[in-house]
C-alpha atoms as a PDB file:
ATOM      1  CA  MET A   1       3.734 -28.244  66.785  1.00  0.00           C
ATOM      2  CA  LYS A   2      -0.578 -28.538  65.690  1.00  0.00           C
ATOM      3  CA  LYS A   3      -1.140 -24.475  65.757  1.00  0.00           C
ATOM      4  CA  ASN A   4       2.003 -23.886  63.546  1.00  0.00           C
ATOM      5  CA  LEU A   5       0.935 -26.448  61.430  1.00  0.00           C
ATOM      6  CA  MET A   6      -2.723 -24.473  61.287  1.00  0.00           C
ATOM      7  CA  ILE A   7      -0.971 -21.414  60.475  1.00  0.00           C
ATOM      8  CA  ILE A   8       0.622 -22.915  57.576  1.00  0.00           C
ATOM      9  CA  PHE A   9      -2.556 -25.071  56.623  1.00  0.00           C
ATOM     10  CA  THR A  10      -4.479 -21.847  56.134  1.00  0.00           C
ATOM     11  CA  LEU A  11      -2.170 -19.622  54.171  1.00  0.00           C
ATOM     12  CA  LEU A  12      -1.330 -22.145  51.474  1.00  0.00           C
ATOM     13  CA  LEU A  13      -5.561 -22.273  51.101  1.00  0.00           C
ATOM     14  CA  MET A  14      -5.256 -18.397  51.380  1.00  0.00           C
ATOM     15  CA  SER A  15      -3.215 -18.206  48.306  1.00  0.00           C
ATOM     16  CA  VAL A  16      -4.866 -21.494  46.329  1.00  0.00           C
ATOM     17  CA  LEU A  17      -8.119 -19.523  46.310  1.00  0.00           C
ATOM     18  CA  VAL A  18      -6.573 -16.211  46.006  1.00  0.00           C
ATOM     19  CA  ALA A  19      -4.922 -17.863  42.955  1.00  0.00           C
ATOM     20  CA  ALA A  20      -7.819 -19.129  41.357  1.00  0.00           C
ATOM     21  CA  CYS A  21      -9.107 -15.660  41.524  1.00  0.00           C
ATOM     22  CA  GLY A  22      -7.572 -14.397  39.798  1.00  0.00           C
ATOM     23  CA  ASN A  23      -7.189 -17.147  36.531  1.00  0.00           C
ATOM     24  CA  GLY A  24     -10.919 -17.105  36.187  1.00  0.00           C
ATOM     25  CA  GLU A  25     -11.466 -17.404  32.216  1.00  0.00           C
ATOM     26  CA  SER A  26     -12.701 -14.503  30.237  1.00  0.00           C
ATOM     27  CA  ASP A  27     -16.264 -14.614  28.278  1.00  0.00           C
ATOM     28  CA  SER A  28     -14.680 -11.850  25.557  1.00  0.00           C
ATOM     29  CA  VAL A  29     -13.533 -13.419  22.010  1.00  0.00           C
ATOM     30  CA  GLU A  30     -10.184 -14.758  21.818  1.00  0.00           C
ATOM     31  CA  GLY A  31      -7.241 -12.572  21.235  1.00  0.00           C
ATOM     32  CA  VAL A  32      -8.975  -9.904  23.180  1.00  0.00           C
ATOM     33  CA  THR A  33     -10.651 -10.077  26.988  1.00  0.00           C
ATOM     34  CA  GLU A  34     -13.642  -7.408  27.747  1.00  0.00           C
ATOM     35  CA  ALA A  35     -12.099  -6.676  31.071  1.00  0.00           C
ATOM     36  CA  SER A  36     -11.672  -2.701  31.204  1.00  0.00           C
ATOM     37  CA  ALA A  37      -8.022  -0.935  31.552  1.00  0.00           C
ATOM     38  CA  ASP A  38      -9.516   0.221  35.200  1.00  0.00           C
ATOM     39  CA  THR A  39      -8.869  -3.225  35.555  1.00  0.00           C
ATOM     40  CA  GLY A  40      -4.800  -3.988  35.283  1.00  0.00           C
ATOM     41  CA  GLU A  41      -5.452  -6.420  32.669  1.00  0.00           C
ATOM     42  CA  THR A  42      -3.022  -5.718  29.403  1.00  0.00           C
ATOM     43  CA  LYS A  43      -5.208  -6.661  26.473  1.00  0.00           C
ATOM     44  CA  LYS A  44      -3.857  -8.093  23.829  1.00  0.00           C
ATOM     45  CA  LEU A  45      -3.761  -7.499  20.000  1.00  0.00           C
ATOM     46  CA  ARG A  46      -3.161  -9.965  17.089  1.00  0.00           C
ATOM     47  CA  ILE A  47      -2.100  -8.819  13.822  1.00  0.00           C
ATOM     48  CA  SER A  48      -1.498 -11.076  10.757  1.00  0.00           C
ATOM     49  CA  LEU A  49       0.160 -10.564   8.230  1.00  0.00           C
ATOM     50  CA  GLY A  50       1.077 -12.639   4.620  1.00  0.00           C
ATOM     51  CA  LEU A  51       4.981 -11.243   4.403  1.00  0.00           C
ATOM     52  CA  ASN A  52       8.522 -12.156   6.071  1.00  0.00           C
ATOM     53  CA  ASP A  53       9.237 -10.596   9.147  1.00  0.00           C
ATOM     54  CA  LYS A  54      11.962  -9.325   7.238  1.00  0.00           C
ATOM     55  CA  THR A  55      10.203  -7.200   5.045  1.00  0.00           C
ATOM     56  CA  PRO A  56       9.030  -2.724   5.444  1.00  0.00           C
ATOM     57  CA  LEU A  57       5.523  -4.434   5.929  1.00  0.00           C
ATOM     58  CA  TYR A  58       6.258  -6.401   9.715  1.00  0.00           C
ATOM     59  CA  LYS A  59       9.427  -3.316   9.912  1.00  0.00           C
ATOM     60  CA  SER A  60       5.782  -0.754  10.310  1.00  0.00           C
ATOM     61  CA  SER A  61       3.852  -2.830  12.468  1.00  0.00           C
ATOM     62  CA  GLU A  62       6.719  -3.530  14.758  1.00  0.00           C
ATOM     63  CA  LYS A  63       6.940   0.550  14.673  1.00  0.00           C
ATOM     64  CA  PHE A  64       2.676   0.123  16.059  1.00  0.00           C
ATOM     65  CA  LYS A  65       3.877  -1.881  18.851  1.00  0.00           C
ATOM     66  CA  GLU A  66       6.003   0.043  19.805  1.00  0.00           C
ATOM     67  CA  LEU A  67       3.829   2.821  19.023  1.00  0.00           C
ATOM     68  CA  VAL A  68       0.900   1.325  20.537  1.00  0.00           C
ATOM     69  CA  GLU A  69       2.612  -0.323  23.865  1.00  0.00           C
ATOM     70  CA  GLU A  70       5.213   3.598  24.842  1.00  0.00           C
ATOM     71  CA  LYS A  71       1.248   5.355  25.351  1.00  0.00           C
ATOM     72  CA  THR A  72      -0.034   3.082  27.416  1.00  0.00           C
ATOM     73  CA  ASP A  73       0.381  -0.813  29.580  1.00  0.00           C
ATOM     74  CA  SER A  74      -3.042  -1.752  28.560  1.00  0.00           C
ATOM     75  CA  LEU A  75      -3.001  -2.222  25.385  1.00  0.00           C
ATOM     76  CA  ASN A  76       0.508  -5.438  24.799  1.00  0.00           C
ATOM     77  CA  VAL A  77       0.407  -5.513  20.297  1.00  0.00           C
ATOM     78  CA  GLU A  78       1.853 -10.194  19.378  1.00  0.00           C
ATOM     79  CA  ILE A  79       3.252  -9.395  15.060  1.00  0.00           C
ATOM     80  CA  TYR A  80       2.929 -12.598  12.948  1.00  0.00           C
ATOM     81  CA  HIS A  81       3.985 -13.309   9.507  1.00  0.00           C
ATOM     82  CA  SER A  82       4.248 -14.869   6.995  1.00  0.00           C
ATOM     83  CA  GLY A  83       0.562 -16.493   6.878  1.00  0.00           C
ATOM     84  CA  GLN A  84       1.620 -18.452  10.003  1.00  0.00           C
ATOM     85  CA  LEU A  85      -2.218 -17.279  10.993  1.00  0.00           C
ATOM     86  CA  ALA A  86      -3.621 -16.937   8.226  1.00  0.00           C
ATOM     87  CA  ASP A  87      -3.735 -15.677   4.439  1.00  0.00           C
ATOM     88  CA  ASP A  88      -5.124 -12.634   3.605  1.00  0.00           C
ATOM     89  CA  ARG A  89      -8.436 -13.326   2.766  1.00  0.00           C
ATOM     90  CA  SER A  90      -8.822 -16.049   5.795  1.00  0.00           C
ATOM     91  CA  ALA A  91      -7.688 -13.556   8.578  1.00  0.00           C
ATOM     92  CA  ILE A  92     -10.260 -10.900   6.610  1.00  0.00           C
ATOM     93  CA  GLU A  93     -12.956 -13.855   7.239  1.00  0.00           C
ATOM     94  CA  MET A  94     -11.416 -14.132  10.681  1.00  0.00           C
ATOM     95  CA  LEU A  95     -11.531 -10.159  11.838  1.00  0.00           C
ATOM     96  CA  GLN A  96     -14.986 -10.818  11.187  1.00  0.00           C
ATOM     97  CA  PHE A  97     -15.903 -13.178  13.253  1.00  0.00           C
ATOM     98  CA  GLY A  98     -13.261 -11.333  15.404  1.00  0.00           C
ATOM     99  CA  THR A  99     -10.734 -14.271  15.959  1.00  0.00           C
ATOM    100  CA  LEU A 100      -8.050 -12.080  14.809  1.00  0.00           C
ATOM    101  CA  ASP A 101      -7.232  -8.715  15.936  1.00  0.00           C
ATOM    102  CA  ILE A 102      -5.876  -6.819  13.293  1.00  0.00           C
ATOM    103  CA  THR A 103      -3.805  -7.551   9.723  1.00  0.00           C
ATOM    104  CA  ILE A 104      -2.972  -4.777   7.098  1.00  0.00           C
ATOM    105  CA  PRO A 105      -3.630  -6.596   3.279  1.00  0.00           C
ATOM    106  CA  SER A 106      -2.784  -5.506  -0.322  1.00  0.00           C
ATOM    107  CA  THR A 107      -6.609  -4.228  -1.423  1.00  0.00           C
ATOM    108  CA  ALA A 108      -6.961  -6.402  -3.304  1.00  0.00           C
ATOM    109  CA  PRO A 109      -8.140  -9.669  -1.497  1.00  0.00           C
ATOM    110  CA  PHE A 110     -10.853  -6.904   0.051  1.00  0.00           C
ATOM    111  CA  THR A 111     -12.478  -6.020  -2.656  1.00  0.00           C
ATOM    112  CA  SER A 112     -14.175  -9.508  -2.485  1.00  0.00           C
ATOM    113  CA  PHE A 113     -15.720  -8.000   0.484  1.00  0.00           C
ATOM    114  CA  VAL A 114     -16.349  -4.210  -0.083  1.00  0.00           C
ATOM    115  CA  PRO A 115     -16.087  -4.540  -4.518  1.00  0.00           C
ATOM    116  CA  GLU A 116     -14.967  -0.475  -4.294  1.00  0.00           C
ATOM    117  CA  TYR A 117     -12.058  -1.839  -3.726  1.00  0.00           C
ATOM    118  CA  GLY A 118     -11.047  -3.226  -7.020  1.00  0.00           C
ATOM    119  CA  VAL A 119     -10.026   0.852  -7.846  1.00  0.00           C
ATOM    120  CA  PHE A 120      -6.344  -0.333  -6.883  1.00  0.00           C
ATOM    121  CA  ASP A 121      -6.782  -3.552  -9.745  1.00  0.00           C
ATOM    122  CA  LEU A 122      -7.534  -1.105 -12.178  1.00  0.00           C
ATOM    123  CA  PRO A 123      -4.169  -1.338 -14.518  1.00  0.00           C
ATOM    124  CA  PHE A 124      -1.985   1.563 -14.916  1.00  0.00           C
ATOM    125  CA  THR A 125      -4.130   4.074 -13.561  1.00  0.00           C
ATOM    126  CA  LEU A 126      -1.892   5.571 -10.980  1.00  0.00           C
ATOM    127  CA  LYS A 127       1.850   6.613 -12.084  1.00  0.00           C
ATOM    128  CA  ASN A 128       3.183   7.714  -9.613  1.00  0.00           C
ATOM    129  CA  THR A 129       3.657   8.677  -5.490  1.00  0.00           C
ATOM    130  CA  ASP A 130       2.567  11.934  -5.335  1.00  0.00           C
ATOM    131  CA  VAL A 131      -0.720  11.351  -7.558  1.00  0.00           C
ATOM    132  CA  VAL A 132      -1.136   8.277  -5.030  1.00  0.00           C
ATOM    133  CA  ASP A 133      -0.949  10.186  -1.903  1.00  0.00           C
ATOM    134  CA  LYS A 134      -3.361  12.178  -3.377  1.00  0.00           C
ATOM    135  CA  VAL A 135      -6.025   9.842  -2.919  1.00  0.00           C
ATOM    136  CA  LEU A 136      -6.034   8.137  -0.877  1.00  0.00           C
ATOM    137  CA  GLN A 137      -5.794  10.467   1.118  1.00  0.00           C
ATOM    138  CA  GLY A 138      -8.678  12.143  -0.079  1.00  0.00           C
ATOM    139  CA  LYS A 139     -12.040  11.640  -0.938  1.00  0.00           C
ATOM    140  CA  ILE A 140     -11.800   8.463  -2.294  1.00  0.00           C
ATOM    141  CA  GLY A 141      -9.442   6.777   0.545  1.00  0.00           C
ATOM    142  CA  ASP A 142     -12.111   8.781   3.188  1.00  0.00           C
ATOM    143  CA  GLU A 143     -15.440   7.063   1.552  1.00  0.00           C
ATOM    144  CA  LEU A 144     -13.984   3.366   0.854  1.00  0.00           C
ATOM    145  CA  ALA A 145     -13.360   3.888   4.718  1.00  0.00           C
ATOM    146  CA  GLU A 146     -16.388   3.597   5.367  1.00  0.00           C
ATOM    147  CA  LYS A 147     -18.143   1.084   3.098  1.00  0.00           C
ATOM    148  CA  ALA A 148     -15.315  -0.825   5.254  1.00  0.00           C
ATOM    149  CA  SER A 149     -17.506   0.024   8.212  1.00  0.00           C
ATOM    150  CA  GLU A 150     -20.270  -1.996   6.900  1.00  0.00           C
ATOM    151  CA  GLN A 151     -18.184  -5.211   6.374  1.00  0.00           C
ATOM    152  CA  GLY A 152     -17.226  -5.649  10.645  1.00  0.00           C
ATOM    153  CA  VAL A 153     -14.530  -4.168   9.844  1.00  0.00           C
ATOM    154  CA  LYS A 154     -12.374  -0.879  10.783  1.00  0.00           C
ATOM    155  CA  GLN A 155     -10.333   1.036   8.209  1.00  0.00           C
ATOM    156  CA  LEU A 156      -7.763   3.062  10.542  1.00  0.00           C
ATOM    157  CA  ALA A 157      -5.100   3.677   7.514  1.00  0.00           C
ATOM    158  CA  TRP A 158      -3.769   3.689   4.770  1.00  0.00           C
ATOM    159  CA  TRP A 159      -0.562   1.474   4.634  1.00  0.00           C
ATOM    160  CA  GLU A 160       1.529   0.978   0.937  1.00  0.00           C
ATOM    161  CA  ASN A 161       2.536  -1.801  -0.137  1.00  0.00           C
ATOM    162  CA  GLY A 162       3.813  -0.410  -3.492  1.00  0.00           C
ATOM    163  CA  PHE A 163       3.601  -0.439  -7.731  1.00  0.00           C
ATOM    164  CA  ARG A 164       4.265  -4.251  -8.717  1.00  0.00           C
ATOM    165  CA  GLN A 165       6.737  -5.700 -11.831  1.00  0.00           C
ATOM    166  CA  LEU A 166       7.053  -8.285 -13.803  1.00  0.00           C
ATOM    167  CA  THR A 167       9.423 -10.980 -12.925  1.00  0.00           C
ATOM    168  CA  ASN A 168       9.805 -14.397 -14.511  1.00  0.00           C
ATOM    169  CA  SER A 169      11.946 -16.926 -15.843  1.00  0.00           C
ATOM    170  CA  LYS A 170      11.687 -17.598 -19.728  1.00  0.00           C
ATOM    171  CA  LYS A 171      12.777 -13.880 -21.418  1.00  0.00           C
ATOM    172  CA  SER A 172      13.063 -10.602 -21.076  1.00  0.00           C
ATOM    173  CA  ILE A 173      10.233  -8.682 -20.947  1.00  0.00           C
ATOM    174  CA  LYS A 174      10.282  -5.212 -23.356  1.00  0.00           C
ATOM    175  CA  LYS A 175       7.034  -4.897 -25.732  1.00  0.00           C
ATOM    176  CA  LEU A 176       4.185  -6.741 -25.330  1.00  0.00           C
ATOM    177  CA  ASP A 177       4.143  -9.060 -27.477  1.00  0.00           C
ATOM    178  CA  ASP A 178       6.548 -10.475 -24.819  1.00  0.00           C
ATOM    179  CA  LEU A 179       4.603 -11.160 -23.126  1.00  0.00           C
ATOM    180  CA  ASN A 180       2.575 -13.954 -25.171  1.00  0.00           C
ATOM    181  CA  GLY A 181       1.736 -17.972 -23.609  1.00  0.00           C
ATOM    182  CA  LEU A 182       4.579 -15.938 -20.507  1.00  0.00           C
ATOM    183  CA  LYS A 183       2.133 -17.649 -17.153  1.00  0.00           C
ATOM    184  CA  VAL A 184       2.364 -15.261 -14.825  1.00  0.00           C
ATOM    185  CA  ARG A 185       0.861 -15.470 -10.813  1.00  0.00           C
ATOM    186  CA  THR A 186      -2.473 -13.261  -9.658  1.00  0.00           C
ATOM    187  CA  MET A 187      -3.577 -13.118  -6.754  1.00  0.00           C
ATOM    188  CA  GLU A 188      -7.038 -14.186  -6.111  1.00  0.00           C
ATOM    189  CA  ASN A 189      -8.633 -11.241  -7.986  1.00  0.00           C
ATOM    190  CA  ASP A 190     -11.147 -10.666 -11.406  1.00  0.00           C
ATOM    191  CA  ILE A 191      -9.924  -7.796 -13.014  1.00  0.00           C
ATOM    192  CA  HIS A 192      -6.378  -9.658 -12.236  1.00  0.00           C
ATOM    193  CA  LEU A 193      -6.549 -11.961 -14.744  1.00  0.00           C
ATOM    194  CA  GLY A 194      -7.725 -10.459 -16.683  1.00  0.00           C
ATOM    195  CA  ALA A 195      -5.504  -7.900 -17.752  1.00  0.00           C
ATOM    196  CA  TRP A 196      -3.052 -10.038 -17.580  1.00  0.00           C
ATOM    197  CA  LYS A 197      -5.203 -12.213 -20.713  1.00  0.00           C
ATOM    198  CA  ALA A 198      -5.556  -8.975 -22.611  1.00  0.00           C
ATOM    199  CA  MET A 199      -1.851  -7.902 -22.655  1.00  0.00           C
ATOM    200  CA  GLY A 200      -1.552 -12.078 -23.755  1.00  0.00           C
ATOM    201  CA  ALA A 201      -0.348 -13.403 -20.666  1.00  0.00           C
ATOM    202  CA  ASN A 202      -1.593 -17.657 -19.498  1.00  0.00           C
ATOM    203  CA  PRO A 203      -2.203 -16.301 -15.155  1.00  0.00           C
ATOM    204  CA  THR A 204      -2.455 -18.704 -12.980  1.00  0.00           C
ATOM    205  CA  PRO A 205      -4.042 -17.861  -9.447  1.00  0.00           C
ATOM    206  CA  MET A 206      -2.576 -19.331  -6.769  1.00  0.00           C
ATOM    207  CA  ALA A 207      -1.656 -18.116  -2.532  1.00  0.00           C
ATOM    208  CA  PHE A 208       1.590 -16.464  -1.900  1.00  0.00           C
ATOM    209  CA  THR A 209       2.529 -18.546   0.354  1.00  0.00           C
ATOM    210  CA  GLU A 210       2.287 -21.341  -2.342  1.00  0.00           C
ATOM    211  CA  LEU A 211       3.786 -18.676  -4.892  1.00  0.00           C
ATOM    212  CA  PHE A 212       8.308 -19.317  -3.951  1.00  0.00           C
ATOM    213  CA  THR A 213       7.541 -23.355  -4.707  1.00  0.00           C
ATOM    214  CA  ALA A 214       5.281 -22.882  -7.465  1.00  0.00           C
ATOM    215  CA  MET A 215       8.756 -21.360  -9.889  1.00  0.00           C
ATOM    216  CA  GLN A 216      10.632 -23.163  -8.292  1.00  0.00           C
ATOM    217  CA  GLN A 217       9.271 -26.259  -9.630  1.00  0.00           C
ATOM    218  CA  LYS A 218       7.642 -24.204 -13.281  1.00  0.00           C
ATOM    219  CA  THR A 219       4.672 -24.365 -12.605  1.00  0.00           C
ATOM    220  CA  VAL A 220       4.383 -21.024 -13.231  1.00  0.00           C
ATOM    221  CA  ASP A 221       7.035 -18.794 -15.352  1.00  0.00           C
ATOM    222  CA  GLY A 222       6.784 -15.659 -13.115  1.00  0.00           C
ATOM    223  CA  GLN A 223       4.794 -13.055 -10.837  1.00  0.00           C
ATOM    224  CA  GLU A 224       4.483  -9.353 -10.138  1.00  0.00           C
ATOM    225  CA  ASN A 225       5.240  -7.936  -6.776  1.00  0.00           C
ATOM    226  CA  PRO A 226       7.257  -4.897  -5.525  1.00  0.00           C
ATOM    227  CA  TYR A 227      10.630  -4.757  -5.121  1.00  0.00           C
ATOM    228  CA  PRO A 228      11.125  -5.232  -2.159  1.00  0.00           C
ATOM    229  CA  THR A 229       8.406  -8.385  -1.615  1.00  0.00           C
ATOM    230  CA  ILE A 230      11.074  -9.632  -5.179  1.00  0.00           C
ATOM    231  CA  LEU A 231      14.186  -8.994  -3.424  1.00  0.00           C
ATOM    232  CA  LEU A 232      13.098 -10.065  -0.125  1.00  0.00           C
ATOM    233  CA  GLU A 233      11.190 -13.227  -0.693  1.00  0.00           C
ATOM    234  CA  LYS A 234      14.231 -14.386  -2.219  1.00  0.00           C
ATOM    235  CA  TYR A 235      13.063 -14.708  -6.223  1.00  0.00           C
ATOM    236  CA  PRO A 236      16.076 -14.226  -7.969  1.00  0.00           C
ATOM    237  CA  GLU A 237      17.267 -17.591  -6.764  1.00  0.00           C
ATOM    238  CA  VAL A 238      14.599 -19.155  -9.146  1.00  0.00           C
ATOM    239  CA  GLN A 239      14.190 -16.058 -11.375  1.00  0.00           C
ATOM    240  CA  LYS A 240      15.620 -14.639 -13.487  1.00  0.00           C
ATOM    241  CA  TYR A 241      14.688 -11.541 -15.541  1.00  0.00           C
ATOM    242  CA  VAL A 242      12.672  -8.277 -13.283  1.00  0.00           C
ATOM    243  CA  THR A 243      11.085  -6.475 -16.073  1.00  0.00           C
ATOM    244  CA  GLU A 244      10.507  -2.345 -14.526  1.00  0.00           C
ATOM    245  CA  THR A 245       6.322  -2.299 -15.553  1.00  0.00           C
ATOM    246  CA  ASN A 246       4.191  -0.185 -12.416  1.00  0.00           C
ATOM    247  CA  HIS A 247       0.960  -1.532 -13.378  1.00  0.00           C
ATOM    248  CA  ILE A 248      -0.744  -2.028 -10.812  1.00  0.00           C
ATOM    249  CA  TYR A 249      -0.001  -0.085  -7.576  1.00  0.00           C
ATOM    250  CA  SER A 250      -0.777  -1.954  -5.143  1.00  0.00           C
ATOM    251  CA  PRO A 251      -1.876   0.069  -1.347  1.00  0.00           C
ATOM    252  CA  PHE A 252      -1.848  -2.283   1.726  1.00  0.00           C
ATOM    253  CA  ILE A 253      -4.712  -2.021   3.925  1.00  0.00           C
ATOM    254  CA  PHE A 254      -4.670  -1.822   7.894  1.00  0.00           C
ATOM    255  CA  LEU A 255      -7.511  -3.244   8.753  1.00  0.00           C
ATOM    256  CA  ILE A 256      -9.363  -3.761  12.667  1.00  0.00           C
ATOM    257  CA  SER A 257     -12.585  -5.945  13.351  1.00  0.00           C
ATOM    258  CA  GLN A 258     -15.071  -3.764  14.618  1.00  0.00           C
ATOM    259  CA  LYS A 259     -15.767  -5.888  17.224  1.00  0.00           C
ATOM    260  CA  THR A 260     -12.256  -6.567  18.525  1.00  0.00           C
ATOM    261  CA  TRP A 261     -12.302  -1.975  17.468  1.00  0.00           C
ATOM    262  CA  ASP A 262     -15.491  -2.290  20.372  1.00  0.00           C
ATOM    263  CA  GLY A 263     -13.751  -4.123  23.546  1.00  0.00           C
ATOM    264  CA  LEU A 264     -11.552  -1.151  22.778  1.00  0.00           C
ATOM    265  CA  THR A 265     -12.038   1.923  25.373  1.00  0.00           C
ATOM    266  CA  GLU A 266     -12.321   5.374  23.780  1.00  0.00           C
ATOM    267  CA  GLU A 267      -8.738   6.321  24.765  1.00  0.00           C
ATOM    268  CA  GLN A 268      -7.312   3.084  24.027  1.00  0.00           C
ATOM    269  CA  GLN A 269      -9.228   3.320  20.044  1.00  0.00           C
ATOM    270  CA  GLU A 270      -7.927   7.380  20.384  1.00  0.00           C
ATOM    271  CA  ILE A 271      -3.685   5.256  20.399  1.00  0.00           C
ATOM    272  CA  VAL A 272      -4.203   2.892  18.470  1.00  0.00           C
ATOM    273  CA  GLU A 273      -5.977   4.963  15.228  1.00  0.00           C
ATOM    274  CA  SER A 274      -2.965   7.427  16.220  1.00  0.00           C
ATOM    275  CA  ALA A 275      -0.288   4.550  15.848  1.00  0.00           C
ATOM    276  CA  ALA A 276      -1.953   3.199  13.210  1.00  0.00           C
ATOM    277  CA  LEU A 277      -1.813   6.789  11.273  1.00  0.00           C
ATOM    278  CA  GLU A 278       1.432   7.191  12.433  1.00  0.00           C
ATOM    279  CA  ALA A 279       3.174   3.928  11.266  1.00  0.00           C
ATOM    280  CA  GLY A 280       1.871   4.553   8.250  1.00  0.00           C
ATOM    281  CA  GLU A 281       2.764   7.233   6.713  1.00  0.00           C
ATOM    282  CA  HIS A 282       6.729   5.443   8.544  1.00  0.00           C
ATOM    283  CA  ASN A 283       5.800   2.765   6.433  1.00  0.00           C
ATOM    284  CA  ARG A 284       5.192   4.993   3.135  1.00  0.00           C
ATOM    285  CA  LYS A 285       8.469   6.486   3.891  1.00  0.00           C
ATOM    286  CA  LEU A 286      10.710   3.042   4.577  1.00  0.00           C
ATOM    287  CA  SER A 287       8.555   1.071   1.313  1.00  0.00           C
ATOM    288  CA  ARG A 288       9.690   3.423  -1.452  1.00  0.00           C
ATOM    289  CA  GLU A 289      13.459   3.827   0.470  1.00  0.00           C
ATOM    290  CA  THR A 290      13.981   0.568   0.793  1.00  0.00           C
ATOM    291  CA  ALA A 291      12.485  -0.357  -2.922  1.00  0.00           C
ATOM    292  CA  ALA A 292      14.778   2.215  -4.724  1.00  0.00           C
ATOM    293  CA  SER A 293      17.286   0.691  -2.582  1.00  0.00           C
ATOM    294  CA  ALA A 294      16.146  -3.303  -3.372  1.00  0.00           C
ATOM    295  CA  LEU A 295      15.930  -2.498  -7.402  1.00  0.00           C
ATOM    296  CA  GLU A 296      19.984  -1.264  -6.877  1.00  0.00           C
ATOM    297  CA  GLU A 297      20.681  -5.186  -5.283  1.00  0.00           C
ATOM    298  CA  LEU A 298      17.758  -6.611  -7.965  1.00  0.00           C
ATOM    299  CA  LYS A 299      19.720  -5.133 -10.852  1.00  0.00           C
ATOM    300  CA  GLY A 300      23.326  -7.440  -8.855  1.00  0.00           C
ATOM    301  CA  GLN A 301      21.364  -9.921  -9.168  1.00  0.00           C
ATOM    302  CA  MET A 302      19.048 -10.297 -11.803  1.00  0.00           C
ATOM    303  CA  GLU A 303      18.169  -8.874 -15.811  1.00  0.00           C
ATOM    304  CA  TYR A 304      16.654  -5.423 -15.792  1.00  0.00           C
ATOM    305  CA  SER A 305      14.674  -3.956 -17.672  1.00  0.00           C
ATOM    306  CA  LYS A 306      11.900  -1.371 -18.318  1.00  0.00           C
ATOM    307  CA  VAL A 307       8.862  -0.764 -20.414  1.00  0.00           C
ATOM    308  CA  SER A 308       9.823   2.485 -22.433  1.00  0.00           C
ATOM    309  CA  ASP A 309       7.041   4.613 -22.468  1.00  0.00           C
ATOM    310  CA  ALA A 310       5.774   4.553 -26.072  1.00  0.00           C
ATOM    311  CA  GLU A 311       5.400   0.778 -25.714  1.00  0.00           C
ATOM    312  CA  LEU A 312       3.346   1.246 -22.022  1.00  0.00           C
ATOM    313  CA  GLU A 313       0.671   3.299 -24.140  1.00  0.00           C
ATOM    314  CA  LYS A 314       0.620  -0.162 -26.475  1.00  0.00           C
ATOM    315  CA  PHE A 315      -0.251  -1.772 -22.788  1.00  0.00           C
ATOM    316  CA  ARG A 316      -2.010   0.800 -21.686  1.00  0.00           C
ATOM    317  CA  GLY A 317      -4.730   0.616 -24.633  1.00  0.00           C
ATOM    318  CA  ALA A 318      -4.810  -4.042 -24.535  1.00  0.00           C
ATOM    319  CA  VAL A 319      -5.892  -3.543 -20.703  1.00  0.00           C
ATOM    320  CA  LYS A 320      -8.510  -0.518 -21.557  1.00  0.00           C
ATOM    321  CA  PRO A 321     -11.879  -3.646 -21.794  1.00  0.00           C
ATOM    322  CA  VAL A 322     -11.010  -4.373 -18.829  1.00  0.00           C
ATOM    323  CA  ILE A 323     -11.440  -2.111 -17.272  1.00  0.00           C
ATOM    324  CA  GLU A 324     -14.690  -0.992 -18.915  1.00  0.00           C
ATOM    325  CA  LYS A 325     -15.770  -5.185 -18.228  1.00  0.00           C
ATOM    326  CA  TYR A 326     -14.854  -4.136 -15.109  1.00  0.00           C
ATOM    327  CA  LYS A 327     -16.765  -0.324 -14.353  1.00  0.00           C
ATOM    328  CA  GLU A 328     -20.044  -2.093 -13.369  1.00  0.00           C
ATOM    329  CA  SER A 329     -19.069  -5.019 -11.173  1.00  0.00           C
ATOM    330  CA  ILE A 330     -17.292  -2.213  -9.295  1.00  0.00           C
ATOM    331  CA  GLY A 331     -19.327   0.150  -9.100  1.00  0.00           C
ATOM    332  CA  GLN A 332     -19.714   1.993 -12.066  1.00  0.00           C
ATOM    333  CA  ASP A 333     -20.568   6.073 -10.962  1.00  0.00           C
ATOM    334  CA  PHE A 334     -17.273   4.939  -7.884  1.00  0.00           C
ATOM    335  CA  VAL A 335     -15.515   4.050 -11.183  1.00  0.00           C
ATOM    336  CA  GLU A 336     -15.600   7.443 -12.960  1.00  0.00           C
ATOM    337  CA  LYS A 337     -15.400   9.317  -9.880  1.00  0.00           C
ATOM    338  CA  TYR A 338     -12.122   7.636  -8.984  1.00  0.00           C
ATOM    339  CA  LEU A 339     -10.475   8.341 -12.357  1.00  0.00           C
ATOM    340  CA  ASN A 340     -12.087  12.364 -11.551  1.00  0.00           C
ATOM    341  CA  GLU A 341      -9.561  12.554  -8.775  1.00  0.00           C
ATOM    342  CA  VAL A 342      -7.101  10.588 -10.653  1.00  0.00           C
ATOM    343  CA  ASN A 343      -7.087  12.799 -13.171  1.00  0.00           C
ATOM    344  CA  ASN A 344      -7.331  15.833 -10.803  1.00  0.00           C
ATOM    345  CA  ALA A 345      -4.122  14.995  -9.001  1.00  0.00           C
ATOM    346  CA  GLU A 346      -2.078  14.607 -11.765  1.00  0.00           C
END
């Protein structure tokens, strides 16, 4: 009897010791372990998104997760949508500190870190998706990605938010004068603020997560975002008019923390980068299909108008001083290089 009890006690003691050894804590930053892939441990990559789980951005992030996890068992991707972890700017800062692995924001919040990304905030410079693709996949796109690496983050791919359109609860917008005094929510971006002021509106910067409530409470009259965002964020519930302006093309940028990147093996880096690029292609296709279908659906819920080509020239004329003003803060030479690339693409 005593012999049996000793055997049982020994087995229990061994199991406790094994469990204790297996549960040792890592010295890594939150989100990524430092153990190599050879140990069999799984690295966790957390993605923070500002938009909800019905958007092309989220669905494309799921595509990224699928591509990564089908190629390796050593990486696990977790996606957090709707700003659950942080807004875009805070998420970028978390990447710099290494407390978050991946975020996919618009370029506008990133201009605080790399001013040259501000070229995409210059209104009415990109006219269609053919021009967009040539510019982003060319020298300008490559040069910007290199500049991002100086900020403790690494850009792996260009994704797409799309052309931004205007909605409001006051009136149909068909000409420049219709914007006079309209209180429009913008991102917290000086170029956007300057452009809307130049066009006669009253721009009001605020976080995306606060926007729906602000429109609901009439704190602002309207906002500007791509068609899929307008539809999926349910803005027709608080907005009556939608106007096609294509005033700004807004890319998404796939950013990974440099600390996270450095903690990956070479094989894992290749898998992550390849997945980011492939999911980016998927994203652009899905984004454009979704934009077209979203517009058709919005036309059934809101009063739609489109600014004529002739009237758009007045819009462009109004914002020219803004473009000139911000050339220096973005980088005079870089803006000229960007505008030349745009002209060549056209």
